[in-house]
Amino acid sequence: MPAKPRLNICITCTASHADAQTDPRHGKQLFDRMTELCADQDLPFDLRPAECLNNCKSGCSIALNGAGKWGYVYGNVDPDTMIDDLCDLAQRYAESEEGIVAWRERPESLRRNVIARIPPLD
């Protein structure tokens, strides 16, 4: 059985709307909230913390990747308002054959947040 695709959340990010860093950082808060939301669900993706996605100018960032799938980096993810949309996006990504989720099928709050699209290794 192939490994599940991953939703990687940068836990060192500071939200783009923040005046200063928080403790814990906004990215860590996002990861913790996603972990809590996903705890009782059998999701088609794994949730992983990432130390840094090197996308600091774009606030809280996440990366989606999976074997044989296009990878994506999203920025400016709001840890207070985008939790459900992020879970929806990750589910659609995991269920897609090549990792491509059509723009109109993405949650509206995340449609314009793509920073990069990375070709699959396979």
PDB file of N, CA and C in Angstrom:
ATOM      1  N   MET A   1       0.850  -1.180   0.000  1.00  0.00           N
ATOM      2  CA  MET A   1       0.000   0.000   0.000  1.00  0.00           C
ATOM      3  C   MET A   1       0.895   1.243   0.000  1.00  0.00           C
ATOM      4  N   PRO A   2       0.695   2.163  -0.953  1.00  0.00           N
ATOM      5  CA  PRO A   2       1.538   3.363  -1.002  1.00  0.00           C
ATOM      6  C   PRO A   2       1.271   4.284   0.181  1.00  0.00           C
ATOM      7  N   ALA A   3       2.283   5.070   0.495  1.00  0.00           N
ATOM      8  CA  ALA A   3       2.149   6.030   1.592  1.00  0.00           C
ATOM      9  C   ALA A   3       1.090   7.066   1.247  1.00  0.00           C
ATOM     10  N   LYS A   4       0.411   7.547   2.250  1.00  0.00           N
ATOM     11  CA  LYS A   4      -0.590   8.591   2.059  1.00  0.00           C
ATOM     12  C   LYS A   4       0.107   9.898   1.670  1.00  0.00           C
ATOM     13  N   PRO A   5      -0.566  10.731   0.891  1.00  0.00           N
ATOM     14  CA  PRO A   5      -0.033  12.069   0.652  1.00  0.00           C
ATOM     15  C   PRO A   5       0.083  12.811   1.981  1.00  0.00           C
ATOM     16  N   ARG A   6       0.877  13.873   1.972  1.00  0.00           N
ATOM     17  CA  ARG A   6       1.119  14.619   3.212  1.00  0.00           C
ATOM     18  C   ARG A   6       0.649  16.062   3.111  1.00  0.00           C
ATOM     19  N   LEU A   7       0.110  16.522   4.216  1.00  0.00           N
ATOM     20  CA  LEU A   7      -0.125  17.937   4.440  1.00  0.00           C
ATOM     21  C   LEU A   7       0.933  18.358   5.453  1.00  0.00           C
ATOM     22  N   ASN A   8       1.926  19.104   4.979  1.00  0.00           N
ATOM     23  CA  ASN A   8       3.023  19.580   5.823  1.00  0.00           C
ATOM     24  C   ASN A   8       2.713  21.011   6.239  1.00  0.00           C
ATOM     25  N   ILE A   9       2.739  21.276   7.521  1.00  0.00           N
ATOM     26  CA  ILE A   9       2.448  22.621   8.017  1.00  0.00           C
ATOM     27  C   ILE A   9       3.692  23.187   8.681  1.00  0.00           C
ATOM     28  N   CYS A  10       4.108  24.356   8.209  1.00  0.00           N
ATOM     29  CA  CYS A  10       5.271  25.017   8.796  1.00  0.00           C
ATOM     30  C   CYS A  10       4.918  25.477  10.203  1.00  0.00           C
ATOM     31  N   ILE A  11       5.633  24.986  11.184  1.00  0.00           N
ATOM     32  CA  ILE A  11       5.331  25.330  12.576  1.00  0.00           C
ATOM     33  C   ILE A  11       6.153  26.521  13.077  1.00  0.00           C
ATOM     34  N   THR A  12       6.990  27.079  12.201  1.00  0.00           N
ATOM     35  CA  THR A  12       7.794  28.248  12.600  1.00  0.00           C
ATOM     36  C   THR A  12       7.256  29.544  12.004  1.00  0.00           C
ATOM     37  N   CYS A  13       6.184  29.479  11.220  1.00  0.00           N
ATOM     38  CA  CYS A  13       5.628  30.656  10.546  1.00  0.00           C
ATOM     39  C   CYS A  13       4.946  31.616  11.517  1.00  0.00           C
ATOM     40  N   THR A  14       4.979  32.875  11.130  1.00  0.00           N
ATOM     41  CA  THR A  14       4.197  33.916  11.774  1.00  0.00           C
ATOM     42  C   THR A  14       3.147  34.360  10.754  1.00  0.00           C
ATOM     43  N   ALA A  15       1.919  34.548  11.177  1.00  0.00           N
ATOM     44  CA  ALA A  15       0.848  34.944  10.262  1.00  0.00           C
ATOM     45  C   ALA A  15       1.181  36.275   9.602  1.00  0.00           C
ATOM     46  N   SER A  16       0.779  36.422   8.347  1.00  0.00           N
ATOM     47  CA  SER A  16       1.109  37.642   7.604  1.00  0.00           C
ATOM     48  C   SER A  16       0.410  38.868   8.167  1.00  0.00           C
ATOM     49  N   HIS A  17      -0.696  38.695   8.875  1.00  0.00           N
ATOM     50  CA  HIS A  17      -1.413  39.831   9.445  1.00  0.00           C
ATOM     51  C   HIS A  17      -0.911  40.205  10.839  1.00  0.00           C
ATOM     52  N   ALA A  18       0.046  39.454  11.373  1.00  0.00           N
ATOM     53  CA  ALA A  18       0.516  39.671  12.748  1.00  0.00           C
ATOM     54  C   ALA A  18       1.481  40.851  12.846  1.00  0.00           C
ATOM     55  N   ASP A  19       1.421  41.537  13.976  1.00  0.00           N
ATOM     56  CA  ASP A  19       2.351  42.632  14.251  1.00  0.00           C
ATOM     57  C   ASP A  19       3.686  42.106  14.768  1.00  0.00           C
ATOM     58  N   ALA A  20       3.638  40.929  15.383  1.00  0.00           N
ATOM     59  CA  ALA A  20       4.849  40.340  15.954  1.00  0.00           C
ATOM     60  C   ALA A  20       4.678  38.829  16.038  1.00  0.00           C
ATOM     61  N   GLN A  21       5.779  38.144  16.316  1.00  0.00           N
ATOM     62  CA  GLN A  21       5.725  36.697  16.482  1.00  0.00           C
ATOM     63  C   GLN A  21       4.966  36.356  17.755  1.00  0.00           C
ATOM     64  N   THR A  22       4.398  35.191  17.773  1.00  0.00           N
ATOM     65  CA  THR A  22       3.680  34.713  18.953  1.00  0.00           C
ATOM     66  C   THR A  22       4.388  33.486  19.498  1.00  0.00           C
ATOM     67  N   ASP A  23       4.039  33.110  20.689  1.00  0.00           N
ATOM     68  CA  ASP A  23       4.582  31.902  21.298  1.00  0.00           C
ATOM     69  C   ASP A  23       3.416  31.109  21.861  1.00  0.00           C
ATOM     70  N   PRO A  24       3.038  29.992  21.256  1.00  0.00           N
ATOM     71  CA  PRO A  24       3.658  29.384  20.085  1.00  0.00           C
ATOM     72  C   PRO A  24       3.357  30.190  18.824  1.00  0.00           C
ATOM     73  N   ARG A  25       4.178  29.961  17.814  1.00  0.00           N
ATOM     74  CA  ARG A  25       4.021  30.666  16.547  1.00  0.00           C
ATOM     75  C   ARG A  25       2.675  30.317  15.899  1.00  0.00           C
ATOM     76  N   HIS A  26       2.216  31.184  15.015  1.00  0.00           N
ATOM     77  CA  HIS A  26       0.939  30.960  14.330  1.00  0.00           C
ATOM     78  C   HIS A  26       0.931  29.636  13.570  1.00  0.00           C
ATOM     79  N   GLY A  27       2.047  29.278  12.959  1.00  0.00           N
ATOM     80  CA  GLY A  27       2.121  28.009  12.239  1.00  0.00           C
ATOM     81  C   GLY A  27       1.943  26.818  13.162  1.00  0.00           C
ATOM     82  N   LYS A  28       2.505  26.894  14.348  1.00  0.00           N
ATOM     83  CA  LYS A  28       2.341  25.828  15.347  1.00  0.00           C
ATOM     84  C   LYS A  28       0.889  25.771  15.804  1.00  0.00           C
ATOM     85  N   GLN A  29       0.268  26.937  15.966  1.00  0.00           N
ATOM     86  CA  GLN A  29      -1.150  26.970  16.324  1.00  0.00           C
ATOM     87  C   GLN A  29      -1.994  26.315  15.232  1.00  0.00           C
ATOM     88  N   LEU A  30      -1.660  26.612  13.973  1.00  0.00           N
ATOM     89  CA  LEU A  30      -2.361  25.996  12.846  1.00  0.00           C
ATOM     90  C   LEU A  30      -2.196  24.479  12.874  1.00  0.00           C
ATOM     91  N   PHE A  31      -0.971  24.013  13.079  1.00  0.00           N
ATOM     92  CA  PHE A  31      -0.722  22.571  13.139  1.00  0.00           C
ATOM     93  C   PHE A  31      -1.510  21.930  14.290  1.00  0.00           C
ATOM     94  N   ASP A  32      -1.473  22.551  15.461  1.00  0.00           N
ATOM     95  CA  ASP A  32      -2.187  22.000  16.618  1.00  0.00           C
ATOM     96  C   ASP A  32      -3.691  21.940  16.375  1.00  0.00           C
ATOM     97  N   ARG A  33      -4.254  22.972  15.765  1.00  0.00           N
ATOM     98  CA  ARG A  33      -5.695  22.984  15.479  1.00  0.00           C
ATOM     99  C   ARG A  33      -6.056  21.925  14.446  1.00  0.00           C
ATOM    100  N   MET A  34      -5.212  21.777  13.425  1.00  0.00           N
ATOM    101  CA  MET A  34      -5.461  20.739  12.417  1.00  0.00           C
ATOM    102  C   MET A  34      -5.360  19.349  13.048  1.00  0.00           C
ATOM    103  N   THR A  35      -4.381  19.152  13.922  1.00  0.00           N
ATOM    104  CA  THR A  35      -4.221  17.869  14.605  1.00  0.00           C
ATOM    105  C   THR A  35      -5.464  17.551  15.418  1.00  0.00           C
ATOM    106  N   GLU A  36      -5.988  18.557  16.115  1.00  0.00           N
ATOM    107  CA  GLU A  36      -7.198  18.370  16.921  1.00  0.00           C
ATOM    108  C   GLU A  36      -8.402  18.051  16.027  1.00  0.00           C
ATOM    109  N   LEU A  37      -8.540  18.791  14.934  1.00  0.00           N
ATOM    110  CA  LEU A  37      -9.652  18.577  14.013  1.00  0.00           C
ATOM    111  C   LEU A  37      -9.589  17.179  13.393  1.00  0.00           C
ATOM    112  N   CYS A  38      -8.407  16.718  13.073  1.00  0.00           N
ATOM    113  CA  CYS A  38      -8.226  15.448  12.361  1.00  0.00           C
ATOM    114  C   CYS A  38      -8.142  14.233  13.282  1.00  0.00           C
ATOM    115  N   ALA A  39      -8.060  14.444  14.566  1.00  0.00           N
ATOM    116  CA  ALA A  39      -7.798  13.362  15.510  1.00  0.00           C
ATOM    117  C   ALA A  39      -8.789  12.206  15.400  1.00  0.00           C
ATOM    118  N   ASP A  40     -10.048  12.503  15.200  1.00  0.00           N
ATOM    119  CA  ASP A  40     -11.074  11.457  15.196  1.00  0.00           C
ATOM    120  C   ASP A  40     -11.514  11.052  13.794  1.00  0.00           C
ATOM    121  N   GLN A  41     -10.762  11.474  12.778  1.00  0.00           N
ATOM    122  CA  GLN A  41     -11.150  11.200  11.404  1.00  0.00           C
ATOM    123  C   GLN A  41     -10.153  10.241  10.742  1.00  0.00           C
ATOM    124  N   ASP A  42     -10.670   9.418   9.860  1.00  0.00           N
ATOM    125  CA  ASP A  42      -9.815   8.551   9.052  1.00  0.00           C
ATOM    126  C   ASP A  42      -9.548   9.290   7.746  1.00  0.00           C
ATOM    127  N   LEU A  43      -8.494  10.084   7.744  1.00  0.00           N
ATOM    128  CA  LEU A  43      -8.210  10.949   6.609  1.00  0.00           C
ATOM    129  C   LEU A  43      -7.346  10.261   5.565  1.00  0.00           C
ATOM    130  N   PRO A  44      -7.483  10.669   4.302  1.00  0.00           N
ATOM    131  CA  PRO A  44      -6.677  10.074   3.234  1.00  0.00           C
ATOM    132  C   PRO A  44      -5.297  10.722   3.115  1.00  0.00           C
ATOM    133  N   PHE A  45      -4.886  11.511   4.092  1.00  0.00           N
ATOM    134  CA  PHE A  45      -3.578  12.158   4.084  1.00  0.00           C
ATOM    135  C   PHE A  45      -2.992  12.141   5.492  1.00  0.00           C
ATOM    136  N   ASP A  46      -1.669  12.260   5.556  1.00  0.00           N
ATOM    137  CA  ASP A  46      -0.980  12.373   6.842  1.00  0.00           C
ATOM    138  C   ASP A  46      -0.706  13.843   7.117  1.00  0.00           C
ATOM    139  N   LEU A  47      -0.761  14.210   8.353  1.00  0.00           N
ATOM    140  CA  LEU A  47      -0.482  15.574   8.794  1.00  0.00           C
ATOM    141  C   LEU A  47       0.898  15.582   9.436  1.00  0.00           C
ATOM    142  N   ARG A  48       1.784  16.456   8.940  1.00  0.00           N
ATOM    143  CA  ARG A  48       3.163  16.501   9.435  1.00  0.00           C
ATOM    144  C   ARG A  48       3.590  17.927   9.735  1.00  0.00           C
ATOM    145  N   PRO A  49       4.341  18.116  10.836  1.00  0.00           N
ATOM    146  CA  PRO A  49       4.930  19.439  11.076  1.00  0.00           C
ATOM    147  C   PRO A  49       6.194  19.597  10.234  1.00  0.00           C
ATOM    148  N   ALA A  50       6.477  20.809   9.806  1.00  0.00           N
ATOM    149  CA  ALA A  50       7.704  21.115   9.074  1.00  0.00           C
ATOM    150  C   ALA A  50       8.387  22.272   9.800  1.00  0.00           C
ATOM    151  N   GLU A  51       9.680  22.155  10.002  1.00  0.00           N
ATOM    152  CA  GLU A  51      10.421  23.197  10.719  1.00  0.00           C
ATOM    153  C   GLU A  51      10.411  24.530   9.990  1.00  0.00           C
ATOM    154  N   CYS A  52      10.549  24.527   8.680  1.00  0.00           N
ATOM    155  CA  CYS A  52      10.510  25.771   7.923  1.00  0.00           C
ATOM    156  C   CYS A  52      10.315  25.434   6.449  1.00  0.00           C
ATOM    157  N   LEU A  53       9.385  26.124   5.819  1.00  0.00           N
ATOM    158  CA  LEU A  53       9.167  25.955   4.383  1.00  0.00           C
ATOM    159  C   LEU A  53       9.817  27.090   3.598  1.00  0.00           C
ATOM    160  N   ASN A  54      10.539  27.951   4.290  1.00  0.00           N
ATOM    161  CA  ASN A  54      11.306  29.030   3.655  1.00  0.00           C
ATOM    162  C   ASN A  54      10.411  29.948   2.821  1.00  0.00           C
ATOM    163  N   ASN A  55       9.234  30.223   3.345  1.00  0.00           N
ATOM    164  CA  ASN A  55       8.259  31.078   2.677  1.00  0.00           C
ATOM    165  C   ASN A  55       7.777  32.153   3.645  1.00  0.00           C
ATOM    166  N   CYS A  56       8.695  32.677   4.420  1.00  0.00           N
ATOM    167  CA  CYS A  56       8.381  33.554   5.549  1.00  0.00           C
ATOM    168  C   CYS A  56       7.614  34.821   5.166  1.00  0.00           C
ATOM    169  N   LYS A  57       7.822  35.347   3.991  1.00  0.00           N
ATOM    170  CA  LYS A  57       7.137  36.574   3.577  1.00  0.00           C
ATOM    171  C   LYS A  57       5.661  36.346   3.278  1.00  0.00           C
ATOM    172  N   SER A  58       5.264  35.093   3.192  1.00  0.00           N
ATOM    173  CA  SER A  58       3.870  34.774   2.866  1.00  0.00           C
ATOM    174  C   SER A  58       3.118  34.177   4.038  1.00  0.00           C
ATOM    175  N   GLY A  59       3.484  34.554   5.235  1.00  0.00           N
ATOM    176  CA  GLY A  59       2.746  34.120   6.411  1.00  0.00           C
ATOM    177  C   GLY A  59       2.737  32.621   6.596  1.00  0.00           C
ATOM    178  N   CYS A  60       1.714  32.100   7.267  1.00  0.00           N
ATOM    179  CA  CYS A  60       1.619  30.667   7.536  1.00  0.00           C
ATOM    180  C   CYS A  60       1.579  29.910   6.215  1.00  0.00           C
ATOM    181  N   SER A  61       2.451  28.920   6.109  1.00  0.00           N
ATOM    182  CA  SER A  61       2.589  28.170   4.864  1.00  0.00           C
ATOM    183  C   SER A  61       2.402  26.679   5.091  1.00  0.00           C
ATOM    184  N   ILE A  62       1.905  26.035   4.036  1.00  0.00           N
ATOM    185  CA  ILE A  62       1.734  24.581   4.053  1.00  0.00           C
ATOM    186  C   ILE A  62       2.259  24.039   2.730  1.00  0.00           C
ATOM    187  N   ALA A  63       2.556  22.757   2.705  1.00  0.00           N
ATOM    188  CA  ALA A  63       2.949  22.084   1.467  1.00  0.00           C
ATOM    189  C   ALA A  63       2.184  20.773   1.371  1.00  0.00           C
ATOM    190  N   LEU A  64       1.692  20.491   0.196  1.00  0.00           N
ATOM    191  CA  LEU A  64       1.036  19.218  -0.092  1.00  0.00           C
ATOM    192  C   LEU A  64       1.938  18.442  -1.033  1.00  0.00           C
ATOM    193  N   ASN A  65       2.189  17.174  -0.713  1.00  0.00           N
ATOM    194  CA  ASN A  65       2.977  16.336  -1.609  1.00  0.00           C
ATOM    195  C   ASN A  65       2.594  14.876  -1.429  1.00  0.00           C
ATOM    196  N   GLY A  66       2.876  14.106  -2.465  1.00  0.00           N
ATOM    197  CA  GLY A  66       2.576  12.685  -2.435  1.00  0.00           C
ATOM    198  C   GLY A  66       3.278  11.988  -3.593  1.00  0.00           C
ATOM    199  N   ALA A  67       3.480  10.713  -3.473  1.00  0.00           N
ATOM    200  CA  ALA A  67       4.160   9.932  -4.499  1.00  0.00           C
ATOM    201  C   ALA A  67       3.415  10.033  -5.825  1.00  0.00           C
ATOM    202  N   GLY A  68       4.149  10.421  -6.864  1.00  0.00           N
ATOM    203  CA  GLY A  68       3.570  10.522  -8.187  1.00  0.00           C
ATOM    204  C   GLY A  68       2.624  11.694  -8.382  1.00  0.00           C
ATOM    205  N   LYS A  69       2.590  12.611  -7.428  1.00  0.00           N
ATOM    206  CA  LYS A  69       1.673  13.747  -7.500  1.00  0.00           C
ATOM    207  C   LYS A  69       2.439  15.064  -7.612  1.00  0.00           C
ATOM    208  N   TRP A  70       1.808  16.022  -8.263  1.00  0.00           N
ATOM    209  CA  TRP A  70       2.326  17.379  -8.226  1.00  0.00           C
ATOM    210  C   TRP A  70       2.308  17.850  -6.775  1.00  0.00           C
ATOM    211  N   GLY A  71       3.311  18.618  -6.380  1.00  0.00           N
ATOM    212  CA  GLY A  71       3.358  19.198  -5.044  1.00  0.00           C
ATOM    213  C   GLY A  71       2.957  20.656  -5.100  1.00  0.00           C
ATOM    214  N   TYR A  72       2.448  21.164  -4.001  1.00  0.00           N
ATOM    215  CA  TYR A  72       2.014  22.558  -3.923  1.00  0.00           C
ATOM    216  C   TYR A  72       2.480  23.184  -2.619  1.00  0.00           C
ATOM    217  N   VAL A  73       2.817  24.452  -2.689  1.00  0.00           N
ATOM    218  CA  VAL A  73       3.083  25.264  -1.500  1.00  0.00           C
ATOM    219  C   VAL A  73       2.040  26.366  -1.490  1.00  0.00           C
ATOM    220  N   TYR A  74       1.380  26.528  -0.373  1.00  0.00           N
ATOM    221  CA  TYR A  74       0.390  27.581  -0.171  1.00  0.00           C
ATOM    222  C   TYR A  74       0.881  28.501   0.929  1.00  0.00           C
ATOM    223  N   GLY A  75       0.630  29.782   0.789  1.00  0.00           N
ATOM    224  CA  GLY A  75       0.996  30.752   1.812  1.00  0.00           C
ATOM    225  C   GLY A  75      -0.227  31.518   2.289  1.00  0.00           C
ATOM    226  N   ASN A  76       0.007  32.356   3.285  1.00  0.00           N
ATOM    227  CA  ASN A  76      -1.043  33.199   3.868  1.00  0.00           C
ATOM    228  C   ASN A  76      -2.255  32.398   4.329  1.00  0.00           C
ATOM    229  N   VAL A  77      -1.983  31.264   4.947  1.00  0.00           N
ATOM    230  CA  VAL A  77      -3.054  30.445   5.511  1.00  0.00           C
ATOM    231  C   VAL A  77      -3.371  31.014   6.894  1.00  0.00           C
ATOM    232  N   ASP A  78      -4.605  31.395   7.093  1.00  0.00           N
ATOM    233  CA  ASP A  78      -5.021  31.991   8.365  1.00  0.00           C
ATOM    234  C   ASP A  78      -5.371  30.879   9.356  1.00  0.00           C
ATOM    235  N   PRO A  79      -4.629  30.794  10.457  1.00  0.00           N
ATOM    236  CA  PRO A  79      -4.871  29.709  11.417  1.00  0.00           C
ATOM    237  C   PRO A  79      -6.198  29.842  12.164  1.00  0.00           C
ATOM    238  N   ASP A  80      -6.829  31.007  12.060  1.00  0.00           N
ATOM    239  CA  ASP A  80      -8.100  31.214  12.754  1.00  0.00           C
ATOM    240  C   ASP A  80      -9.317  30.929  11.886  1.00  0.00           C
ATOM    241  N   THR A  81      -9.181  31.093  10.557  1.00  0.00           N
ATOM    242  CA  THR A  81     -10.374  31.005   9.708  1.00  0.00           C
ATOM    243  C   THR A  81     -10.311  29.956   8.599  1.00  0.00           C
ATOM    244  N   MET A  82      -9.158  29.343   8.368  1.00  0.00           N
ATOM    245  CA  MET A  82      -9.033  28.459   7.206  1.00  0.00           C
ATOM    246  C   MET A  82      -8.857  26.972   7.539  1.00  0.00           C
ATOM    247  N   ILE A  83      -9.074  26.589   8.763  1.00  0.00           N
ATOM    248  CA  ILE A  83      -8.853  25.200   9.181  1.00  0.00           C
ATOM    249  C   ILE A  83      -9.717  24.222   8.373  1.00  0.00           C
ATOM    250  N   ASP A  84     -11.000  24.459   8.317  1.00  0.00           N
ATOM    251  CA  ASP A  84     -11.897  23.547   7.601  1.00  0.00           C
ATOM    252  C   ASP A  84     -11.579  23.523   6.111  1.00  0.00           C
ATOM    253  N   ASP A  85     -11.287  24.699   5.545  1.00  0.00           N
ATOM    254  CA  ASP A  85     -10.952  24.758   4.123  1.00  0.00           C
ATOM    255  C   ASP A  85      -9.646  24.026   3.824  1.00  0.00           C
ATOM    256  N   LEU A  86      -8.699  24.130   4.722  1.00  0.00           N
ATOM    257  CA  LEU A  86      -7.422  23.442   4.539  1.00  0.00           C
ATOM    258  C   LEU A  86      -7.616  21.929   4.584  1.00  0.00           C
ATOM    259  N   CYS A  87      -8.442  21.463   5.476  1.00  0.00           N
ATOM    260  CA  CYS A  87      -8.746  20.028   5.554  1.00  0.00           C
ATOM    261  C   CYS A  87      -9.448  19.573   4.268  1.00  0.00           C
ATOM    262  N   ASP A  88     -10.371  20.371   3.780  1.00  0.00           N
ATOM    263  CA  ASP A  88     -11.071  20.059   2.530  1.00  0.00           C
ATOM    264  C   ASP A  88     -10.093  19.993   1.362  1.00  0.00           C
ATOM    265  N   LEU A  89      -9.200  20.972   1.262  1.00  0.00           N
ATOM    266  CA  LEU A  89      -8.213  20.987   0.190  1.00  0.00           C
ATOM    267  C   LEU A  89      -7.312  19.751   0.248  1.00  0.00           C
ATOM    268  N   ALA A  90      -6.835  19.410   1.441  1.00  0.00           N
ATOM    269  CA  ALA A  90      -5.951  18.254   1.595  1.00  0.00           C
ATOM    270  C   ALA A  90      -6.672  16.956   1.220  1.00  0.00           C
ATOM    271  N   GLN A  91      -7.951  16.847   1.547  1.00  0.00           N
ATOM    272  CA  GLN A  91      -8.717  15.660   1.172  1.00  0.00           C
ATOM    273  C   GLN A  91      -8.860  15.574  -0.350  1.00  0.00           C
ATOM    274  N   ARG A  92      -9.168  16.685  -0.988  1.00  0.00           N
ATOM    275  CA  ARG A  92      -9.309  16.700  -2.451  1.00  0.00           C
ATOM    276  C   ARG A  92      -7.972  16.360  -3.120  1.00  0.00           C
ATOM    277  N   TYR A  93      -6.897  16.894  -2.557  1.00  0.00           N
ATOM    278  CA  TYR A  93      -5.565  16.604  -3.083  1.00  0.00           C
ATOM    279  C   TYR A  93      -5.273  15.106  -2.978  1.00  0.00           C
ATOM    280  N   ALA A  94      -5.513  14.541  -1.812  1.00  0.00           N
ATOM    281  CA  ALA A  94      -5.236  13.125  -1.583  1.00  0.00           C
ATOM    282  C   ALA A  94      -6.059  12.236  -2.517  1.00  0.00           C
ATOM    283  N   GLU A  95      -7.280  12.632  -2.795  1.00  0.00           N
ATOM    284  CA  GLU A  95      -8.166  11.836  -3.637  1.00  0.00           C
ATOM    285  C   GLU A  95      -7.889  12.009  -5.131  1.00  0.00           C
ATOM    286  N   SER A  96      -7.120  13.034  -5.490  1.00  0.00           N
ATOM    287  CA  SER A  96      -6.818  13.260  -6.899  1.00  0.00           C
ATOM    288  C   SER A  96      -5.719  12.302  -7.349  1.00  0.00           C
ATOM    289  N   GLU A  97      -5.786  11.907  -8.606  1.00  0.00           N
ATOM    290  CA  GLU A  97      -4.815  10.943  -9.133  1.00  0.00           C
ATOM    291  C   GLU A  97      -3.413  11.533  -9.255  1.00  0.00           C
ATOM    292  N   GLU A  98      -3.317  12.755  -9.759  1.00  0.00           N
ATOM    293  CA  GLU A  98      -2.012  13.371 -10.009  1.00  0.00           C
ATOM    294  C   GLU A  98      -1.691  14.539  -9.074  1.00  0.00           C
ATOM    295  N   GLY A  99      -2.557  14.790  -8.093  1.00  0.00           N
ATOM    296  CA  GLY A  99      -2.323  15.890  -7.174  1.00  0.00           C
ATOM    297  C   GLY A  99      -2.855  17.218  -7.665  1.00  0.00           C
ATOM    298  N   ILE A 100      -3.564  17.198  -8.771  1.00  0.00           N
ATOM    299  CA  ILE A 100      -4.092  18.440  -9.331  1.00  0.00           C
ATOM    300  C   ILE A 100      -5.549  18.598  -8.903  1.00  0.00           C
ATOM    301  N   VAL A 101      -5.807  19.651  -8.131  1.00  0.00           N
ATOM    302  CA  VAL A 101      -7.167  19.993  -7.738  1.00  0.00           C
ATOM    303  C   VAL A 101      -7.540  21.222  -8.553  1.00  0.00           C
ATOM    304  N   ALA A 102      -8.547  21.085  -9.391  1.00  0.00           N
ATOM    305  CA  ALA A 102      -8.970  22.194 -10.253  1.00  0.00           C
ATOM    306  C   ALA A 102      -9.240  23.442  -9.421  1.00  0.00           C
ATOM    307  N   TRP A 103      -8.906  24.586  -9.982  1.00  0.00           N
ATOM    308  CA  TRP A 103      -9.037  25.857  -9.282  1.00  0.00           C
ATOM    309  C   TRP A 103     -10.441  26.039  -8.708  1.00  0.00           C
ATOM    310  N   ARG A 104     -11.450  25.722  -9.481  1.00  0.00           N
ATOM    311  CA  ARG A 104     -12.841  25.902  -9.026  1.00  0.00           C
ATOM    312  C   ARG A 104     -13.253  24.897  -7.949  1.00  0.00           C
ATOM    313  N   GLU A 105     -12.486  23.821  -7.803  1.00  0.00           N
ATOM    314  CA  GLU A 105     -12.795  22.820  -6.784  1.00  0.00           C
ATOM    315  C   GLU A 105     -12.076  23.097  -5.471  1.00  0.00           C
ATOM    316  N   ARG A 106     -11.152  24.034  -5.485  1.00  0.00           N
ATOM    317  CA  ARG A 106     -10.444  24.402  -4.260  1.00  0.00           C
ATOM    318  C   ARG A 106     -11.346  25.285  -3.399  1.00  0.00           C
ATOM    319  N   PRO A 107     -11.211  25.191  -2.080  1.00  0.00           N
ATOM    320  CA  PRO A 107     -11.960  26.112  -1.235  1.00  0.00           C
ATOM    321  C   PRO A 107     -11.624  27.558  -1.622  1.00  0.00           C
ATOM    322  N   GLU A 108     -12.635  28.385  -1.676  1.00  0.00           N
ATOM    323  CA  GLU A 108     -12.466  29.761  -2.146  1.00  0.00           C
ATOM    324  C   GLU A 108     -11.398  30.526  -1.367  1.00  0.00           C
ATOM    325  N   SER A 109     -11.303  30.289  -0.069  1.00  0.00           N
ATOM    326  CA  SER A 109     -10.331  31.030   0.745  1.00  0.00           C
ATOM    327  C   SER A 109      -8.884  30.715   0.384  1.00  0.00           C
ATOM    328  N   LEU A 110      -8.643  29.590  -0.299  1.00  0.00           N
ATOM    329  CA  LEU A 110      -7.277  29.174  -0.632  1.00  0.00           C
ATOM    330  C   LEU A 110      -6.946  29.259  -2.127  1.00  0.00           C
ATOM    331  N   ARG A 111      -7.879  29.631  -2.948  1.00  0.00           N
ATOM    332  CA  ARG A 111      -7.679  29.626  -4.401  1.00  0.00           C
ATOM    333  C   ARG A 111      -6.497  30.485  -4.843  1.00  0.00           C
ATOM    334  N   ARG A 112      -6.313  31.610  -4.231  1.00  0.00           N
ATOM    335  CA  ARG A 112      -5.270  32.548  -4.665  1.00  0.00           C
ATOM    336  C   ARG A 112      -4.002  32.471  -3.804  1.00  0.00           C
ATOM    337  N   ASN A 113      -3.884  31.437  -3.007  1.00  0.00           N
ATOM    338  CA  ASN A 113      -2.769  31.344  -2.072  1.00  0.00           C
ATOM    339  C   ASN A 113      -1.633  30.436  -2.540  1.00  0.00           C
ATOM    340  N   VAL A 114      -1.700  29.927  -3.760  1.00  0.00           N
ATOM    341  CA  VAL A 114      -0.648  29.036  -4.249  1.00  0.00           C
ATOM    342  C   VAL A 114       0.630  29.847  -4.471  1.00  0.00           C
ATOM    343  N   ILE A 115       1.720  29.383  -3.883  1.00  0.00           N
ATOM    344  CA  ILE A 115       3.030  30.009  -4.038  1.00  0.00           C
ATOM    345  C   ILE A 115       3.823  29.276  -5.124  1.00  0.00           C
ATOM    346  N   ALA A 116       3.733  27.946  -5.118  1.00  0.00           N
ATOM    347  CA  ALA A 116       4.501  27.154  -6.085  1.00  0.00           C
ATOM    348  C   ALA A 116       3.795  25.838  -6.357  1.00  0.00           C
ATOM    349  N   ARG A 117       4.038  25.343  -7.569  1.00  0.00           N
ATOM    350  CA  ARG A 117       3.568  24.013  -7.985  1.00  0.00           C
ATOM    351  C   ARG A 117       4.823  23.275  -8.420  1.00  0.00           C
ATOM    352  N   ILE A 118       5.034  22.078  -7.881  1.00  0.00           N
ATOM    353  CA  ILE A 118       6.291  21.340  -8.071  1.00  0.00           C
ATOM    354  C   ILE A 118       5.990  20.017  -8.772  1.00  0.00           C
ATOM    355  N   PRO A 119       6.681  19.748  -9.889  1.00  0.00           N
ATOM    356  CA  PRO A 119       6.427  18.506 -10.626  1.00  0.00           C
ATOM    357  C   PRO A 119       6.724  17.257  -9.777  1.00  0.00           C
ATOM    358  N   PRO A 120       6.007  16.183 -10.052  1.00  0.00           N
ATOM    359  CA  PRO A 120       6.264  14.944  -9.314  1.00  0.00           C
ATOM    360  C   PRO A 120       7.619  14.336  -9.698  1.00  0.00           C
ATOM    361  N   LEU A 121       8.185  13.545  -8.802  1.00  0.00           N
ATOM    362  CA  LEU A 121       9.453  12.859  -9.082  1.00  0.00           C
ATOM    363  C   LEU A 121       9.257  11.675 -10.008  1.00  0.00           C
ATOM    364  N   ASP A 122       8.103  11.044  -9.904  1.00  0.00           N
ATOM    365  CA  ASP A 122       7.843   9.829 -10.693  1.00  0.00           C
ATOM    366  C   ASP A 122       7.441  10.152 -12.105  1.00  0.00           C
TER     367      ASP A 122
END
